[in-house]
Protein backbone atom coordinates (compact mmCIF):
# COMPACT_ATOMS: atom_id res chain seq x y z
CA UNK A 1 52.93 38.77 26.90
CA UNK A 2 53.13 35.69 24.66
CA UNK A 3 54.47 35.98 21.12
CA UNK A 4 51.04 35.07 19.76
CA UNK A 5 49.35 37.91 21.67
CA UNK A 6 52.13 40.30 20.69
CA UNK A 7 51.60 39.52 16.99
CA UNK A 8 47.86 40.08 17.37
CA UNK A 9 48.52 43.40 19.12
CA UNK A 10 51.01 44.53 16.46
CA UNK A 11 48.56 43.66 13.68
CA UNK A 12 45.87 45.68 15.49
CA UNK A 13 48.25 48.65 15.84
CA UNK A 14 49.07 48.55 12.12
CA UNK A 15 45.36 48.52 11.29
CA UNK A 16 44.63 51.41 13.68
CA UNK A 17 47.47 53.52 12.30
CA UNK A 18 46.42 52.79 8.72
CA UNK A 19 42.85 53.72 9.58
CA UNK A 20 44.05 57.14 10.73
CA UNK A 21 44.68 58.16 7.10
CA UNK A 22 41.11 57.88 5.74
CA UNK A 23 39.71 58.93 9.14
CA UNK A 24 41.74 62.14 9.12
CA UNK A 25 40.47 62.97 5.64
CA UNK A 26 36.93 62.70 7.01
CA UNK A 27 37.77 64.84 10.05
CA UNK A 28 39.31 67.59 7.94
CA UNK A 29 35.98 68.13 6.24
CA UNK A 30 34.72 69.57 9.55
CA UNK A 31 37.79 70.67 11.51
CA UNK A 32 41.05 72.47 10.72
CA UNK A 33 44.52 70.94 11.17
CA UNK A 34 45.31 72.89 14.34
CA UNK A 35 41.94 72.08 15.92
CA UNK A 36 42.36 68.37 15.19
CA UNK A 37 45.86 68.23 16.62
CA UNK A 38 45.01 70.34 19.67
CA UNK A 39 41.82 68.52 20.59
CA UNK A 40 43.53 65.14 20.32
CA UNK A 41 46.42 66.33 22.53
CA UNK A 42 44.15 67.85 25.19
CA UNK A 43 41.98 64.73 25.40
CA UNK A 44 44.78 62.15 25.62
CA UNK A 45 47.10 64.09 27.98
CA UNK A 46 45.29 63.28 31.28
CA UNK A 47 45.00 59.64 30.20
CA UNK A 48 48.76 59.41 29.60
CA UNK A 49 49.47 61.07 32.96
CA UNK A 50 47.18 58.58 34.70
CA UNK A 51 48.78 55.63 32.89
CA UNK A 52 52.26 56.83 33.85
CA UNK A 53 51.23 57.06 37.50
CA UNK A 54 49.57 53.64 37.50
CA UNK A 55 52.47 51.90 35.76
CA UNK A 56 55.40 53.68 37.41
CA UNK A 57 54.11 55.34 40.57
CA UNK A 58 54.65 58.99 41.55
CA UNK A 59 56.62 61.09 39.10
CA UNK A 60 60.30 61.52 39.94
CA UNK A 61 61.90 64.94 40.24
CA UNK A 62 62.36 65.99 36.63
CA UNK A 63 65.79 67.20 35.57
CA UNK A 64 66.74 69.74 32.93
CA UNK A 65 67.36 66.98 30.37
CA UNK A 66 63.84 65.63 31.01
CA UNK A 67 62.24 69.01 30.35
CA UNK A 68 64.38 69.38 27.22
CA UNK A 69 63.15 65.97 26.02
CA UNK A 70 59.52 66.95 26.62
CA UNK A 71 59.98 70.21 24.70
CA UNK A 72 61.87 68.78 21.72
CA UNK A 73 59.54 65.79 21.28
CA UNK A 74 56.52 68.07 21.55
CA UNK A 75 57.80 70.58 18.98
CA UNK A 76 58.92 67.91 16.51
CA UNK A 77 56.02 65.52 17.13
CA UNK A 78 52.54 66.92 17.71
CA UNK A 79 53.27 70.61 17.13
CA UNK A 80 55.42 70.05 14.04
CA UNK A 81 54.84 66.67 12.43
CA UNK A 82 51.16 66.08 13.19
CA UNK A 83 49.92 69.60 12.45
CA UNK A 84 51.77 69.85 9.13
CA UNK A 85 50.66 66.28 8.29
CA UNK A 86 47.01 67.27 8.77
CA UNK A 87 47.60 70.36 6.67
CA UNK A 88 49.00 68.21 3.87
CA UNK A 89 46.12 65.76 4.16
CA UNK A 90 43.73 68.56 3.18
CA UNK A 91 45.25 68.61 -0.31
CA UNK A 92 46.34 65.04 -1.05
CA UNK A 93 44.87 61.55 -0.88
CA UNK A 94 45.29 59.22 2.11
CA UNK A 95 46.91 56.69 -0.23
CA UNK A 96 49.64 59.13 -1.28
CA UNK A 97 50.19 60.16 2.34
CA UNK A 98 50.46 56.52 3.43
CA UNK A 99 53.11 55.72 0.83
CA UNK A 100 55.11 58.89 1.48
CA UNK A 101 54.96 58.35 5.22
CA UNK A 102 56.36 54.85 4.81
CA UNK A 103 59.60 56.37 3.50
CA UNK A 104 60.39 57.92 6.90
CA UNK A 105 62.59 55.04 8.18
CA UNK A 106 64.89 55.49 5.19
CA UNK A 107 65.25 59.19 5.96
CA UNK A 108 65.92 58.32 9.61
CA UNK A 109 68.69 55.96 8.47
CA UNK A 110 70.35 58.63 6.29
CA UNK A 111 70.26 61.36 8.92
CA UNK A 112 71.24 58.84 11.59
CA UNK A 113 74.37 58.12 9.58
CA UNK A 114 75.17 61.83 9.37
CA UNK A 115 74.20 62.78 12.92
CA UNK A 116 74.78 59.69 15.06
CA UNK A 117 77.49 58.03 13.00
CA UNK A 118 75.45 54.97 12.01
CA UNK A 119 77.12 52.94 9.28
CA UNK A 120 75.36 52.34 5.96
CA UNK A 121 76.11 49.16 4.02
CA UNK A 122 75.69 48.48 0.31
CA UNK A 123 72.17 47.06 0.76
CA UNK A 124 71.30 50.11 2.91
CA UNK A 125 72.36 52.46 0.09
CA UNK A 126 70.36 50.42 -2.42
CA UNK A 127 67.34 50.69 -0.14
CA UNK A 128 67.72 54.45 0.08
CA UNK A 129 67.78 54.65 -3.73
CA UNK A 130 64.63 52.53 -4.01
CA UNK A 131 62.88 54.67 -1.40
CA UNK A 132 63.71 57.87 -3.28
CA UNK A 133 62.40 56.28 -6.50
CA UNK A 134 59.16 55.27 -4.77
CA UNK A 135 58.66 58.80 -3.44
CA UNK A 136 59.24 60.30 -6.90
CA UNK A 137 56.79 57.86 -8.52
CA UNK A 138 54.17 58.72 -5.89
CA UNK A 139 54.47 62.52 -5.89
CA UNK A 140 54.64 62.66 -9.69
CA UNK A 141 51.67 60.29 -10.06
CA UNK A 142 53.87 58.31 -12.44
CA UNK A 143 54.23 61.28 -14.80
CA UNK A 144 57.60 62.15 -16.35
CA UNK A 145 56.19 65.57 -17.26
CA UNK A 146 55.42 66.30 -13.61
CA UNK A 147 58.98 65.41 -12.65
CA UNK A 148 60.38 67.54 -15.45
CA UNK A 149 58.33 70.63 -14.53
CA UNK A 150 58.35 70.06 -10.74
CA UNK A 151 54.58 70.68 -10.64
CA UNK A 152 53.91 68.59 -7.57
CA UNK A 153 50.75 68.49 -5.47
CA UNK A 154 51.26 70.81 -2.48
CA UNK A 155 49.65 68.25 -0.18
CA UNK A 156 52.31 65.69 -1.10
CA UNK A 157 55.03 68.26 -0.44
CA UNK A 158 53.52 69.11 2.95
CA UNK A 159 53.41 65.42 3.87
CA UNK A 160 57.09 65.14 2.98
CA UNK A 161 57.81 68.31 5.00
CA UNK A 162 56.02 66.84 8.02
CA UNK A 163 58.42 63.90 7.89
CA UNK A 164 61.24 66.28 8.88
CA UNK A 165 59.54 66.62 12.25
CA UNK A 166 59.04 62.86 12.53
CA UNK A 167 62.67 62.12 11.63
CA UNK A 168 63.89 64.60 14.25
CA UNK A 169 61.46 63.09 16.76
CA UNK A 170 62.73 59.56 16.09
CA UNK A 171 66.42 60.45 16.19
CA UNK A 172 66.12 62.62 19.28
CA UNK A 173 64.26 59.78 21.02
CA UNK A 174 67.43 57.71 20.48
CA UNK A 175 69.87 60.45 21.39
CA UNK A 176 68.21 61.80 24.54
CA UNK A 177 69.83 60.92 27.86
CA UNK A 178 66.62 60.94 29.89
CA UNK A 179 65.99 57.81 31.97
CA UNK A 180 62.22 58.25 32.13
CA UNK A 181 59.81 55.52 31.02
CA UNK A 182 58.29 55.91 27.51
CA UNK A 183 54.76 56.56 28.81
CA UNK A 184 56.10 59.29 31.13
CA UNK A 185 57.98 60.90 28.25
CA UNK A 186 54.82 60.79 26.10
CA UNK A 187 52.79 62.34 28.91
CA UNK A 188 55.29 65.15 29.39
CA UNK A 189 55.50 65.86 25.65
CA UNK A 190 51.71 65.97 25.40
CA UNK A 191 51.47 68.41 28.31
CA UNK A 192 53.85 70.78 26.51
CA UNK A 193 51.95 70.28 23.23
CA UNK A 194 48.60 71.08 24.84
CA UNK A 195 49.96 74.26 26.43
CA UNK A 196 51.45 75.43 23.12
CA UNK A 197 48.68 74.35 20.76
CA UNK A 198 45.55 75.42 22.66
CA UNK A 199 46.07 79.21 22.45
CA UNK A 200 47.42 78.87 18.90
CA UNK A 201 44.36 76.90 17.72
CA UNK A 202 41.99 79.37 19.39
CA UNK A 203 43.76 82.33 17.79
CA UNK A 204 43.92 80.84 14.29
CA UNK A 205 40.80 78.65 13.96
CA UNK A 206 38.68 79.56 17.00
CA UNK A 207 35.98 77.55 18.77
CA UNK A 208 33.40 77.77 15.98
CA UNK A 209 34.51 74.72 13.91
CA UNK A 210 34.62 72.54 17.03
CA UNK A 211 31.18 73.74 18.14
CA UNK A 212 29.74 72.96 14.69
CA UNK A 213 31.45 69.57 14.34
CA UNK A 214 29.17 66.57 13.95
CA UNK A 215 29.59 62.95 14.95
CA UNK A 216 32.11 62.36 12.15
CA UNK A 217 34.42 65.17 13.27
CA UNK A 218 34.29 64.20 16.93
CA UNK A 219 34.63 60.51 16.06
CA UNK A 220 37.87 61.23 14.20
CA UNK A 221 39.16 63.32 17.12
CA UNK A 222 38.46 60.52 19.61
CA UNK A 223 39.90 57.89 17.27
CA UNK A 224 43.15 59.84 16.91
CA UNK A 225 43.34 60.78 20.58
CA UNK A 226 42.93 57.31 22.05
CA UNK A 227 43.49 54.25 19.80
CA UNK A 228 46.10 55.91 17.56
CA UNK A 229 48.09 57.46 20.42
CA UNK A 230 47.87 54.42 22.67
CA UNK A 231 48.98 52.36 19.68
CA UNK A 232 52.47 53.80 20.22
CA UNK A 233 52.56 52.22 23.68
CA UNK A 234 51.21 48.94 22.35
CA UNK A 235 53.78 48.94 19.56
CA UNK A 236 56.54 49.47 22.13
CA UNK A 237 55.19 46.52 24.13
CA UNK A 238 55.20 44.40 20.98
CA UNK A 239 58.83 45.35 20.28
CA UNK A 240 59.83 44.31 23.79
CA UNK A 241 58.19 40.91 23.27
CA UNK A 242 59.16 39.89 19.71
CA UNK A 243 61.98 42.31 18.86
CA UNK A 244 62.21 45.36 16.61
CA UNK A 245 62.86 43.37 13.42
CA UNK A 246 59.70 41.29 13.64
CA UNK A 247 57.64 44.25 14.80
CA UNK A 248 58.80 46.25 11.77
CA UNK A 249 57.12 43.71 9.47
CA UNK A 250 53.75 44.92 10.71
CA UNK A 251 54.70 48.57 10.09
CA UNK A 252 55.54 47.63 6.52
CA UNK A 253 51.94 46.52 6.02
CA UNK A 254 50.58 50.02 6.68
CA UNK A 255 50.82 51.45 3.11
CA UNK A 256 48.90 48.47 1.73
CA UNK A 257 46.32 48.70 4.53
CA UNK A 258 45.94 52.43 3.80
CA UNK A 259 45.30 51.66 0.13
CA UNK A 260 42.64 49.08 1.01
CA UNK A 261 40.93 51.17 3.69
CA UNK A 262 40.94 54.35 1.59
CA UNK A 263 39.35 52.46 -1.30
CA UNK A 264 36.79 50.77 0.95
CA UNK A 265 35.87 53.77 3.15
CA UNK A 266 36.36 56.79 0.89
CA UNK A 267 36.13 55.19 -2.55
CA UNK A 268 39.64 56.46 -3.40
CA UNK A 269 40.73 55.14 -6.81
CA UNK A 270 43.80 52.89 -6.79
CA UNK A 271 46.25 53.82 -9.55
CA UNK A 272 49.14 51.79 -10.90
CA UNK A 273 51.65 54.19 -9.35
CA UNK A 274 50.12 53.56 -5.91
CA UNK A 275 50.82 49.83 -6.18
CA UNK A 276 54.32 50.44 -7.53
CA UNK A 277 55.09 53.15 -4.97
CA UNK A 278 53.89 51.08 -2.00
CA UNK A 279 55.79 47.97 -3.10
CA UNK A 280 59.04 49.78 -3.91
CA UNK A 281 59.02 51.94 -0.78
CA UNK A 282 58.63 48.91 1.48
CA UNK A 283 61.41 47.07 -0.38
CA UNK A 284 63.56 50.16 0.06
CA UNK A 285 62.80 50.49 3.76
CA UNK A 286 63.55 46.79 4.37
CA UNK A 287 66.96 47.14 2.73
CA UNK A 288 67.68 50.51 4.34
CA UNK A 289 67.01 49.27 7.88
CA UNK A 290 68.76 45.94 7.35
CA UNK A 291 71.68 45.29 9.70
């Protein structure tokens, strides 16, 4: 892949991932968090299995470490992060969720230093401070009184809680000793997620919401199952072509794209603390991940 095509692909991935925020808000009007996560997992799993077979041939004999990787990435990713993220999205705005989600790389850096022994420089520490400030501005809606009384929106707190799953997912992806290809790992993790989530979704939310869902609900499910999930593979391809540093620039655009798309699609009002939070969190992430 040429650098030009890689940049186009990375820009498309950023747009698709940003679009998931307002789209999920629309989907939650018809479907519950568990149903959304489960349906997306069940639909994309056979596609990932097929892709893995086409790209890498027959599956090798899986070892214990491979099964452990599938289980941990499933529990921290779809089962943990995505489900709790949807739950939080019911109670907060896509703009807030986009800004809070952008802080995840800074959290990864901090825990990576504690868990994997990564070194943090002066600029890294400054970036962590800026990221914390951006999160506080966002969850408090720029209100000192909210900070003083700790009366935060529960949706914002759930979004932050979901990042624990994402951070664990990201760090375990680095620490795992499996030699499998990324698409094979994703396929295995989605198989585990489907097996775990399907009975849970049926027990908690049942078939009724899915049976009543209209074109909007199903459109959001399909959007999340295919473009958003496959975007992870495209992003990996972009990293291999232009490098992680240049690819990260496109990820940093996501909070601003979320703000624009949420305003254009949902009519979400843009407040001053959104602009400040998005700008400061990206500055913080850039400094935190600087090497």
